[in-house]
C-alpha atoms as a PDB file:
ATOM      1  CA  MET A   1     110.241 161.707  97.765  1.00  0.00           C
ATOM      2  CA  PRO A   2     113.612 159.964  98.218  1.00  0.00           C
ATOM      3  CA  ASP A   3     113.982 157.577 101.146  1.00  0.00           C
ATOM      4  CA  PRO A   4     116.600 159.066 103.538  1.00  0.00           C
ATOM      5  CA  ILE A   5     117.446 155.634 104.959  1.00  0.00           C
ATOM      6  CA  ALA A   6     118.094 154.153 101.515  1.00  0.00           C
ATOM      7  CA  SER A   7     120.076 157.237 100.575  1.00  0.00           C
ATOM      8  CA  SER A   8     122.229 156.925 103.704  1.00  0.00           C
ATOM      9  CA  LEU A   9     122.862 153.248 103.000  1.00  0.00           C
ATOM     10  CA  THR A  10     123.786 153.976  99.387  1.00  0.00           C
ATOM     11  CA  ARG A  11     126.240 156.713 100.377  1.00  0.00           C
ATOM     12  CA  HIS A  12     127.827 154.488 102.997  1.00  0.00           C
ATOM     13  CA  ARG A  13     128.237 151.653 100.496  1.00  0.00           C
ATOM     14  CA  GLN A  14     129.770 154.049  97.993  1.00  0.00           C
ATOM     15  CA  GLY A  15     132.233 155.242 100.604  1.00  0.00           C
ATOM     16  CA  VAL A  16     133.144 151.701 101.643  1.00  0.00           C
ATOM     17  CA  LEU A  17     133.664 150.648  98.031  1.00  0.00           C
ATOM     18  CA  LEU A  18     135.833 153.670  97.201  1.00  0.00           C
ATOM     19  CA  ALA A  19     137.949 153.278 100.335  1.00  0.00           C
ATOM     20  CA  ALA A  20     138.383 149.521  99.835  1.00  0.00           C
ATOM     21  CA  LEU A  21     139.413 149.867  96.190  1.00  0.00           C
ATOM     22  CA  GLY A  22     141.737 152.750  97.002  1.00  0.00           C
ATOM     23  CA  THR A  23     143.451 150.735  99.727  1.00  0.00           C
ATOM     24  CA  LEU A  24     143.846 147.698  97.468  1.00  0.00           C
ATOM     25  CA  VAL A  25     145.549 149.764  94.780  1.00  0.00           C
ATOM     26  CA  LEU A  26     147.631 151.601  97.375  1.00  0.00           C
ATOM     27  CA  SER A  27     148.879 148.321  98.856  1.00  0.00           C
ATOM     28  CA  PHE A  28     151.214 147.835  95.863  1.00  0.00           C
ATOM     29  CA  ASP A  29     153.069 151.051  96.679  1.00  0.00           C
ATOM     30  CA  ALA A  30     155.894 149.606  98.786  1.00  0.00           C
ATOM     31  CA  LEU A  31     156.513 146.829  96.264  1.00  0.00           C
ATOM     32  CA  LEU A  32     156.721 149.275  93.365  1.00  0.00           C
ATOM     33  CA  VAL A  33     159.098 151.541  95.291  1.00  0.00           C
ATOM     34  CA  ARG A  34     161.394 148.567  95.885  1.00  0.00           C
ATOM     35  CA  LEU A  35     161.131 147.397  92.256  1.00  0.00           C
ATOM     36  CA  ALA A  36     162.100 150.855  91.031  1.00  0.00           C
ATOM     37  CA  ALA A  37     165.513 150.376  92.689  1.00  0.00           C
ATOM     38  CA  ALA A  38     166.202 154.127  92.623  1.00  0.00           C
ATOM     39  CA  SER A  39     167.165 156.657  95.268  1.00  0.00           C
ATOM     40  CA  ALA A  40     164.417 158.073  97.463  1.00  0.00           C
ATOM     41  CA  TRP A  41     164.544 161.529  95.875  1.00  0.00           C
ATOM     42  CA  ASP A  42     164.541 160.129  92.336  1.00  0.00           C
ATOM     43  CA  VAL A  43     161.425 158.109  93.192  1.00  0.00           C
ATOM     44  CA  ILE A  44     159.766 161.177  94.723  1.00  0.00           C
ATOM     45  CA  PHE A  45     160.656 163.371  91.713  1.00  0.00           C
ATOM     46  CA  TRP A  46     159.456 161.050  88.957  1.00  0.00           C
ATOM     47  CA  ARG A  47     156.400 159.750  90.748  1.00  0.00           C
ATOM     48  CA  GLY A  48     155.281 163.236  91.725  1.00  0.00           C
ATOM     49  CA  LEU A  49     155.802 164.644  88.220  1.00  0.00           C
ATOM     50  CA  LEU A  50     153.986 161.772  86.495  1.00  0.00           C
ATOM     51  CA  MET A  51     151.131 161.882  89.016  1.00  0.00           C
ATOM     52  CA  ALA A  52     150.632 165.578  88.382  1.00  0.00           C
ATOM     53  CA  LEU A  53     150.600 165.096  84.598  1.00  0.00           C
ATOM     54  CA  SER A  54     148.237 162.111  84.589  1.00  0.00           C
ATOM     55  CA  LEU A  55     145.732 163.627  87.005  1.00  0.00           C
ATOM     56  CA  THR A  56     145.768 167.017  85.279  1.00  0.00           C
ATOM     57  CA  LEU A  57     144.897 165.325  81.980  1.00  0.00           C
ATOM     58  CA  ALA A  58     142.266 163.135  83.662  1.00  0.00           C
ATOM     59  CA  LEU A  59     140.655 166.179  85.241  1.00  0.00           C
ATOM     60  CA  ARG A  60     140.567 167.954  81.887  1.00  0.00           C
ATOM     61  CA  VAL A  61     138.968 164.965  80.131  1.00  0.00           C
ATOM     62  CA  LEU A  62     136.484 164.056  82.873  1.00  0.00           C
ATOM     63  CA  ARG A  63     135.471 167.505  84.125  1.00  0.00           C
ATOM     64  CA  GLY A  64     136.536 169.917  81.405  1.00  0.00           C
ATOM     65  CA  ARG A  65     138.882 171.954  83.583  1.00  0.00           C
ATOM     66  CA  TRP A  66     142.565 172.121  84.425  1.00  0.00           C
ATOM     67  CA  SER A  67     143.892 171.213  87.855  1.00  0.00           C
ATOM     68  CA  TRP A  68     145.148 174.750  88.549  1.00  0.00           C
ATOM     69  CA  GLU A  69     141.654 176.102  87.877  1.00  0.00           C
ATOM     70  CA  ALA A  70     140.197 173.679  90.419  1.00  0.00           C
ATOM     71  CA  LEU A  71     142.908 174.590  92.922  1.00  0.00           C
ATOM     72  CA  ARG A  72     142.187 178.283  92.435  1.00  0.00           C
ATOM     73  CA  ASP A  73     138.503 177.677  93.127  1.00  0.00           C
ATOM     74  CA  GLY A  74     139.325 175.511  96.151  1.00  0.00           C
ATOM     75  CA  ARG A  75     141.444 178.312  97.644  1.00  0.00           C
ATOM     76  CA  TRP A  76     143.637 177.635 100.671  1.00  0.00           C
ATOM     77  CA  PRO A  77     142.052 174.271 101.706  1.00  0.00           C
ATOM     78  CA  ALA A  78     142.903 172.831  98.279  1.00  0.00           C
ATOM     79  CA  TRP A  79     146.528 173.970  98.449  1.00  0.00           C
ATOM     80  CA  ALA A  80     146.849 172.829 102.062  1.00  0.00           C
ATOM     81  CA  ALA A  81     145.525 169.372 101.181  1.00  0.00           C
ATOM     82  CA  GLY A  82     147.881 169.219  98.191  1.00  0.00           C
ATOM     83  CA  ALA A  83     150.837 170.038 100.442  1.00  0.00           C
ATOM     84  CA  GLY A  84     149.641 167.345 102.853  1.00  0.00           C
ATOM     85  CA  PHE A  85     149.560 164.728 100.104  1.00  0.00           C
ATOM     86  CA  ALA A  86     153.020 165.801  98.941  1.00  0.00           C
ATOM     87  CA  LEU A  87     154.424 165.402 102.437  1.00  0.00           C
ATOM     88  CA  THR A  88     152.782 161.993 102.844  1.00  0.00           C
ATOM     89  CA  LEU A  89     154.231 160.793  99.529  1.00  0.00           C
ATOM     90  CA  MET A  90     157.736 161.925 100.425  1.00  0.00           C
ATOM     91  CA  LEU A  91     157.663 160.488 103.933  1.00  0.00           C
ATOM     92  CA  PHE A  92     156.384 157.130 102.696  1.00  0.00           C
ATOM     93  CA  VAL A  93     159.161 156.728 100.142  1.00  0.00           C
ATOM     94  CA  LEU A  94     161.797 157.746 102.688  1.00  0.00           C
ATOM     95  CA  ALA A  95     160.340 155.248 105.170  1.00  0.00           C
ATOM     96  CA  VAL A  96     160.236 152.302 102.746  1.00  0.00           C
ATOM     97  CA  LEU A  97     163.857 152.851 101.743  1.00  0.00           C
ATOM     98  CA  ASN A  98     165.068 153.141 105.349  1.00  0.00           C
ATOM     99  CA  THR A  99     163.337 150.284 107.151  1.00  0.00           C
ATOM    100  CA  ARG A 100     161.435 147.055 106.515  1.00  0.00           C
ATOM    101  CA  VAL A 101     158.142 147.271 104.640  1.00  0.00           C
ATOM    102  CA  ALA A 102     156.363 145.483 107.515  1.00  0.00           C
ATOM    103  CA  ASN A 103     157.438 148.266 109.874  1.00  0.00           C
ATOM    104  CA  VAL A 104     156.261 150.980 107.492  1.00  0.00           C
ATOM    105  CA  VAL A 105     152.800 149.641 106.763  1.00  0.00           C
ATOM    106  CA  VAL A 106     152.158 148.772 110.397  1.00  0.00           C
ATOM    107  CA  ILE A 107     153.120 152.230 111.647  1.00  0.00           C
ATOM    108  CA  ILE A 108     151.145 154.004 108.910  1.00  0.00           C
ATOM    109  CA  ALA A 109     148.143 151.961 110.035  1.00  0.00           C
ATOM    110  CA  SER A 110     147.997 154.340 113.018  1.00  0.00           C
ATOM    111  CA  ALA A 111     146.519 156.998 110.690  1.00  0.00           C
ATOM    112  CA  PRO A 112     142.924 156.190 111.807  1.00  0.00           C
ATOM    113  CA  PHE A 113     143.793 157.130 115.372  1.00  0.00           C
ATOM    114  CA  PHE A 114     145.132 160.519 114.295  1.00  0.00           C
ATOM    115  CA  ALA A 115     142.131 161.048 111.991  1.00  0.00           C
ATOM    116  CA  ALA A 116     139.643 160.158 114.734  1.00  0.00           C
ATOM    117  CA  LEU A 117     141.285 162.483 117.224  1.00  0.00           C
ATOM    118  CA  LEU A 118     141.606 165.392 114.785  1.00  0.00           C
ATOM    119  CA  SER A 119     138.043 164.953 113.479  1.00  0.00           C
ATOM    120  CA  GLY A 120     136.706 165.099 117.010  1.00  0.00           C
ATOM    121  CA  VAL A 121     138.768 168.124 118.036  1.00  0.00           C
ATOM    122  CA  PHE A 122     138.362 170.251 114.892  1.00  0.00           C
ATOM    123  CA  LEU A 123     135.119 168.987 113.320  1.00  0.00           C
ATOM    124  CA  ARG A 124     133.242 167.822 116.432  1.00  0.00           C
ATOM    125  CA  GLU A 125     132.690 164.636 114.427  1.00  0.00           C
ATOM    126  CA  TRP A 126     133.306 162.023 117.068  1.00  0.00           C
ATOM    127  CA  VAL A 127     133.244 158.546 115.565  1.00  0.00           C
ATOM    128  CA  PRO A 128     130.747 155.979 116.865  1.00  0.00           C
ATOM    129  CA  LEU A 129     131.615 153.518 119.579  1.00  0.00           C
ATOM    130  CA  ARG A 130     131.995 150.631 117.140  1.00  0.00           C
ATOM    131  CA  THR A 131     134.750 152.533 115.304  1.00  0.00           C
ATOM    132  CA  TRP A 132     136.627 153.226 118.544  1.00  0.00           C
ATOM    133  CA  LEU A 133     136.324 149.559 119.489  1.00  0.00           C
ATOM    134  CA  ALA A 134     137.522 148.488 116.045  1.00  0.00           C
ATOM    135  CA  MET A 135     140.512 150.816 116.241  1.00  0.00           C
ATOM    136  CA  THR A 136     141.370 149.513 119.711  1.00  0.00           C
ATOM    137  CA  VAL A 137     141.347 145.915 118.533  1.00  0.00           C
ATOM    138  CA  CYS A 138     143.349 146.892 115.466  1.00  0.00           C
ATOM    139  CA  LEU A 139     145.856 148.619 117.743  1.00  0.00           C
ATOM    140  CA  VAL A 140     146.380 145.287 119.446  1.00  0.00           C
ATOM    141  CA  GLY A 141     146.969 143.736 116.038  1.00  0.00           C
ATOM    142  CA  ILE A 142     149.425 146.515 115.166  1.00  0.00           C
ATOM    143  CA  LEU A 143     151.334 145.945 118.407  1.00  0.00           C
ATOM    144  CA  VAL A 144     151.492 142.215 117.683  1.00  0.00           C
ATOM    145  CA  VAL A 145     152.911 142.915 114.216  1.00  0.00           C
ATOM    146  CA  PHE A 146     155.334 145.490 115.541  1.00  0.00           C
ATOM    147  CA  ALA A 147     156.554 143.127 118.258  1.00  0.00           C
ATOM    148  CA  GLY A 148     157.693 140.732 115.550  1.00  0.00           C
ATOM    149  CA  SER A 149     159.492 143.497 113.666  1.00  0.00           C
ATOM    150  CA  VAL A 150     161.277 145.329 116.477  1.00  0.00           C
ATOM    151  CA  GLY A 151     164.985 145.550 115.827  1.00  0.00           C
ATOM    152  CA  LEU A 152     164.689 144.534 112.171  1.00  0.00           C
ATOM    153  CA  GLY A 153     164.431 148.041 110.715  1.00  0.00           C
ATOM    154  CA  GLY A 154     166.035 151.441 111.154  1.00  0.00           C
ATOM    155  CA  TRP A 155     164.601 153.926 113.618  1.00  0.00           C
ATOM    156  CA  LEU A 156     164.786 156.725 111.043  1.00  0.00           C
ATOM    157  CA  GLY A 157     162.515 154.877 108.633  1.00  0.00           C
ATOM    158  CA  ASP A 158     160.099 154.160 111.469  1.00  0.00           C
ATOM    159  CA  LEU A 159     160.037 157.860 112.320  1.00  0.00           C
ATOM    160  CA  PHE A 160     159.296 158.777 108.698  1.00  0.00           C
ATOM    161  CA  ALA A 161     156.419 156.279 108.713  1.00  0.00           C
ATOM    162  CA  LEU A 162     154.961 157.717 111.925  1.00  0.00           C
ATOM    163  CA  LEU A 163     155.066 161.248 110.495  1.00  0.00           C
ATOM    164  CA  ALA A 164     153.399 159.975 107.317  1.00  0.00           C
ATOM    165  CA  ALA A 165     150.576 158.495 109.391  1.00  0.00           C
ATOM    166  CA  LEU A 166     150.061 161.786 111.233  1.00  0.00           C
ATOM    167  CA  THR A 167     150.054 163.769 107.982  1.00  0.00           C
ATOM    168  CA  LEU A 168     147.636 161.382 106.289  1.00  0.00           C
ATOM    169  CA  GLY A 169     145.193 161.482 109.198  1.00  0.00           C
ATOM    170  CA  ALA A 170     145.267 165.289 109.215  1.00  0.00           C
ATOM    171  CA  ASN A 171     144.805 165.482 105.450  1.00  0.00           C
ATOM    172  CA  LEU A 172     141.787 163.182 105.397  1.00  0.00           C
ATOM    173  CA  THR A 173     140.241 165.294 108.152  1.00  0.00           C
ATOM    174  CA  LEU A 174     140.847 168.477 106.147  1.00  0.00           C
ATOM    175  CA  LEU A 175     139.189 166.971 103.067  1.00  0.00           C
ATOM    176  CA  ARG A 176     136.255 165.814 105.168  1.00  0.00           C
ATOM    177  CA  ARG A 177     135.769 169.397 106.366  1.00  0.00           C
ATOM    178  CA  HIS A 178     135.907 170.900 102.862  1.00  0.00           C
ATOM    179  CA  HIS A 179     133.647 168.784 100.655  1.00  0.00           C
ATOM    180  CA  GLY A 180     133.839 171.129  97.683  1.00  0.00           C
ATOM    181  CA  VAL A 181     137.578 170.756  97.143  1.00  0.00           C
ATOM    182  CA  ASP A 182     138.328 168.833  93.943  1.00  0.00           C
ATOM    183  CA  ARG A 183     140.069 165.648  95.015  1.00  0.00           C
ATOM    184  CA  LEU A 184     141.827 164.967  91.715  1.00  0.00           C
ATOM    185  CA  ALA A 185     143.262 168.482  91.652  1.00  0.00           C
ATOM    186  CA  VAL A 186     144.498 168.108  95.230  1.00  0.00           C
ATOM    187  CA  VAL A 187     146.385 164.894  94.450  1.00  0.00           C
ATOM    188  CA  ALA A 188     147.834 166.504  91.306  1.00  0.00           C
ATOM    189  CA  ALA A 189     149.036 169.425  93.419  1.00  0.00           C
ATOM    190  CA  GLY A 190     150.603 166.983  95.857  1.00  0.00           C
ATOM    191  CA  GLY A 191     152.528 165.389  93.016  1.00  0.00           C
ATOM    192  CA  ILE A 192     153.933 168.619  91.608  1.00  0.00           C
ATOM    193  CA  ILE A 193     154.845 169.957  95.063  1.00  0.00           C
ATOM    194  CA  ALA A 194     156.726 166.741  95.860  1.00  0.00           C
ATOM    195  CA  CYS A 195     158.446 166.936  92.461  1.00  0.00           C
ATOM    196  CA  ILE A 196     159.605 170.512  93.083  1.00  0.00           C
ATOM    197  CA  VAL A 197     160.903 169.697  96.561  1.00  0.00           C
ATOM    198  CA  ALA A 198     162.855 166.693  95.196  1.00  0.00           C
ATOM    199  CA  LEU A 199     164.318 168.625  92.243  1.00  0.00           C
ATOM    200  CA  LEU A 200     167.563 169.651  93.951  1.00  0.00           C
ATOM    201  CA  PRO A 201     168.534 166.423  95.775  1.00  0.00           C
ATOM    202  CA  ALA A 202     167.351 164.147  92.927  1.00  0.00           C
ATOM    203  CA  SER A 203     169.256 163.067  89.793  1.00  0.00           C
ATOM    204  CA  PRO A 204     166.308 162.187  87.538  1.00  0.00           C
ATOM    205  CA  GLY A 205     168.407 161.944  84.378  1.00  0.00           C
ATOM    206  CA  GLY A 206     170.424 159.057  85.815  1.00  0.00           C
ATOM    207  CA  VAL A 207     167.470 156.710  86.336  1.00  0.00           C
ATOM    208  CA  GLY A 208     167.671 153.553  84.176  1.00  0.00           C
ATOM    209  CA  GLY A 209     165.001 152.234  81.842  1.00  0.00           C
ATOM    210  CA  VAL A 210     163.723 149.461  84.140  1.00  0.00           C
ATOM    211  CA  SER A 211     163.490 151.830  87.083  1.00  0.00           C
ATOM    212  CA  LEU A 212     161.724 154.402  84.934  1.00  0.00           C
ATOM    213  CA  PHE A 213     159.170 151.779  83.890  1.00  0.00           C
ATOM    214  CA  TRP A 214     158.208 151.025  87.493  1.00  0.00           C
ATOM    215  CA  LEU A 215     158.172 154.715  88.322  1.00  0.00           C
ATOM    216  CA  ALA A 216     155.799 155.273  85.395  1.00  0.00           C
ATOM    217  CA  VAL A 217     153.487 152.530  86.706  1.00  0.00           C
ATOM    218  CA  MET A 218     153.451 154.284  90.074  1.00  0.00           C
ATOM    219  CA  GLY A 219     153.155 157.823  88.787  1.00  0.00           C
ATOM    220  CA  LEU A 220     150.735 157.343  85.902  1.00  0.00           C
ATOM    221  CA  LEU A 221     148.492 154.582  87.229  1.00  0.00           C
ATOM    222  CA  GLN A 222     148.861 153.237  90.746  1.00  0.00           C
ATOM    223  CA  MET A 223     149.285 156.293  92.976  1.00  0.00           C
ATOM    224  CA  PRO A 224     146.870 158.656  91.170  1.00  0.00           C
ATOM    225  CA  LEU A 225     144.144 156.027  91.206  1.00  0.00           C
ATOM    226  CA  ALA A 226     144.712 155.022  94.828  1.00  0.00           C
ATOM    227  CA  LEU A 227     144.876 158.530  96.254  1.00  0.00           C
ATOM    228  CA  ALA A 228     141.962 159.781  94.170  1.00  0.00           C
ATOM    229  CA  LEU A 229     139.778 156.894  95.372  1.00  0.00           C
ATOM    230  CA  MET A 230     140.725 157.473  99.005  1.00  0.00           C
ATOM    231  CA  ALA A 231     140.139 161.202  98.697  1.00  0.00           C
ATOM    232  CA  GLU A 232     136.732 160.687  97.050  1.00  0.00           C
ATOM    233  CA  ALA A 233     135.729 158.305  99.869  1.00  0.00           C
ATOM    234  CA  THR A 234     135.872 161.215 102.341  1.00  0.00           C
ATOM    235  CA  ARG A 235     132.759 162.615 100.639  1.00  0.00           C
ATOM    236  CA  TYR A 236     130.739 159.671 101.974  1.00  0.00           C
ATOM    237  CA  LEU A 237     132.493 158.519 105.158  1.00  0.00           C
ATOM    238  CA  PRO A 238     134.146 160.204 108.159  1.00  0.00           C
ATOM    239  CA  SER A 239     137.898 160.548 107.729  1.00  0.00           C
ATOM    240  CA  ALA A 240     138.602 158.133 110.585  1.00  0.00           C
ATOM    241  CA  GLU A 241     136.481 155.449 108.928  1.00  0.00           C
ATOM    242  CA  VAL A 242     138.171 156.008 105.560  1.00  0.00           C
ATOM    243  CA  SER A 243     141.640 155.779 107.050  1.00  0.00           C
ATOM    244  CA  LEU A 244     140.611 152.636 108.935  1.00  0.00           C
ATOM    245  CA  PHE A 245     140.701 150.880 105.571  1.00  0.00           C
ATOM    246  CA  LEU A 246     144.416 151.627 105.402  1.00  0.00           C
ATOM    247  CA  LEU A 247     144.860 148.878 107.964  1.00  0.00           C
ATOM    248  CA  VAL A 248     144.382 146.443 105.092  1.00  0.00           C
ATOM    249  CA  GLU A 249     147.688 147.698 103.705  1.00  0.00           C
ATOM    250  CA  THR A 250     149.367 146.377 106.839  1.00  0.00           C
ATOM    251  CA  VAL A 251     148.601 142.913 105.515  1.00  0.00           C
ATOM    252  CA  LEU A 252     148.567 143.335 101.742  1.00  0.00           C
ATOM    253  CA  GLY A 253     151.591 145.636 101.487  1.00  0.00           C
ATOM    254  CA  THR A 254     153.711 143.131 103.394  1.00  0.00           C
ATOM    255  CA  TRP A 255     152.231 140.234 101.436  1.00  0.00           C
ATOM    256  CA  TRP A 256     153.123 141.611  97.977  1.00  0.00           C
ATOM    257  CA  VAL A 257     156.738 142.286  99.011  1.00  0.00           C
ATOM    258  CA  TRP A 258     156.968 138.814 100.537  1.00  0.00           C
ATOM    259  CA  MET A 259     155.603 137.080  97.444  1.00  0.00           C
ATOM    260  CA  VAL A 260     157.642 139.033  94.870  1.00  0.00           C
ATOM    261  CA  LEU A 261     160.873 139.925  96.679  1.00  0.00           C
ATOM    262  CA  GLY A 262     161.005 137.242  99.353  1.00  0.00           C
ATOM    263  CA  GLU A 263     161.035 139.655 102.299  1.00  0.00           C
ATOM    264  CA  GLU A 264     159.286 137.260 104.627  1.00  0.00           C
ATOM    265  CA  PRO A 265     157.426 138.820 107.565  1.00  0.00           C
ATOM    266  CA  PRO A 266     157.754 137.219 111.000  1.00  0.00           C
ATOM    267  CA  PRO A 267     154.894 135.032 112.296  1.00  0.00           C
ATOM    268  CA  ALA A 268     153.706 137.903 114.487  1.00  0.00           C
ATOM    269  CA  THR A 269     153.012 139.959 111.360  1.00  0.00           C
ATOM    270  CA  LEU A 270     150.750 137.225 109.987  1.00  0.00           C
ATOM    271  CA  LEU A 271     148.927 136.852 113.322  1.00  0.00           C
ATOM    272  CA  GLY A 272     148.407 140.556 113.888  1.00  0.00           C
ATOM    273  CA  GLY A 273     147.509 141.137 110.247  1.00  0.00           C
ATOM    274  CA  GLY A 274     144.815 138.490 110.406  1.00  0.00           C
ATOM    275  CA  LEU A 275     143.333 140.145 113.465  1.00  0.00           C
ATOM    276  CA  ILE A 276     143.322 143.513 111.710  1.00  0.00           C
ATOM    277  CA  LEU A 277     141.610 142.178 108.598  1.00  0.00           C
ATOM    278  CA  PHE A 278     138.916 140.348 110.569  1.00  0.00           C
ATOM    279  CA  THR A 279     138.198 143.439 112.673  1.00  0.00           C
ATOM    280  CA  LEU A 280     137.976 145.685 109.621  1.00  0.00           C
ATOM    281  CA  LEU A 281     135.573 143.358 107.825  1.00  0.00           C
ATOM    282  CA  LEU A 282     133.383 143.104 110.931  1.00  0.00           C
ATOM    283  CA  HIS A 283     133.397 146.882 111.341  1.00  0.00           C
ATOM    284  CA  ALA A 284     132.386 147.433 107.706  1.00  0.00           C
ATOM    285  CA  TRP A 285     129.541 144.913 108.041  1.00  0.00           C
ATOM    286  CA  LEU A 286     128.252 146.587 111.215  1.00  0.00           C
ATOM    287  CA  GLY A 287     128.459 149.963 109.467  1.00  0.00           C
ATOM    288  CA  LEU A 288     126.297 148.730 106.607  1.00  0.00           C
ATOM    289  CA  ARG A 289     123.738 147.328 109.049  1.00  0.00           C
ATOM    290  CA  ARG A 290     123.713 150.583 111.011  1.00  0.00           C
ATOM    291  CA  ALA A 291     123.165 152.622 107.842  1.00  0.00           C
ATOM    292  CA  ALA A 292     120.249 150.377 106.879  1.00  0.00           C
ATOM    293  CA  VAL A 293     118.153 151.153 109.982  1.00  0.00           C
ATOM    294  CA  PRO A 294     116.975 154.491 111.374  1.00  0.00           C
ATOM    295  CA  ALA A 295     118.982 155.938 114.258  1.00  0.00           C
ATOM    296  CA  VAL A 296     117.416 155.781 117.711  1.00  0.00           C
ATOM    297  CA  GLY A 297     118.460 158.674 119.913  1.00  0.00           C
ATOM    298  CA  ASN A 298     121.914 160.135 119.579  1.00  0.00           C
ATOM    299  CA  SER A 299     124.130 157.493 121.123  1.00  0.00           C
ATOM    300  CA  PRO A 300     126.369 155.616 118.663  1.00  0.00           C
ATOM    301  CA  ARG A 301     126.235 151.844 118.456  1.00  0.00           C
END
């Protein structure tokens, strides 16, 4: 008979690993958008199209079915999640190209708060006390980072980033509710929806070879892998806990742009980012310990 405690620990570790890897891959997103040096709608068009193609082929090879077949079986939750991913992709690109990367990644780090609230309201899945405490400390870190970036970016880009955080939190909650929805198919749907929306304002034929190379890296490799990993993590962890890993992007996303493009973050970004990383690591460690012992009563620890 399988040990339920060991099984719980294994599932938690799987979720942590998937979320951590997904966030690491996702952290290169802002850098790749900048390297592409294309208009926002051109980036959205090419990245969405290439994501849809790569994930449709991957789904066919790995699971023997096409993405539209999986979407048909997933019914409205699958299409709703696909639309959510499309909106998140578009808002992120628009944010990165309208404000500083530090602003974008810090604001998007608020996604765990939206996910925790929505999960509690719609799923009655209130996160444990340690997660609320971790998010509160991380909020302090976010405010520290934001204080060093105020006035350095455009308000429109900041607004796009805030909407992206809200959409991402809602989408992770939706996927948590509907476990049977195929995650790869959902991300593929998000890509093709974003591509269709960008078709009119974009000029895809005018994109140069260097820009197209970076767009191909994003569309064929980086974004499909990152989003698929994050989506799969919702099978093993609450959506708020999965999105908590996105706080790592607050540090890494800014770091890659700083190292490659010289967009140096202010000291407050480094201080707040360090606080966020430490809190996230401590939270993950406490989660593993909690999963390793049987629960006593119903109160979270």
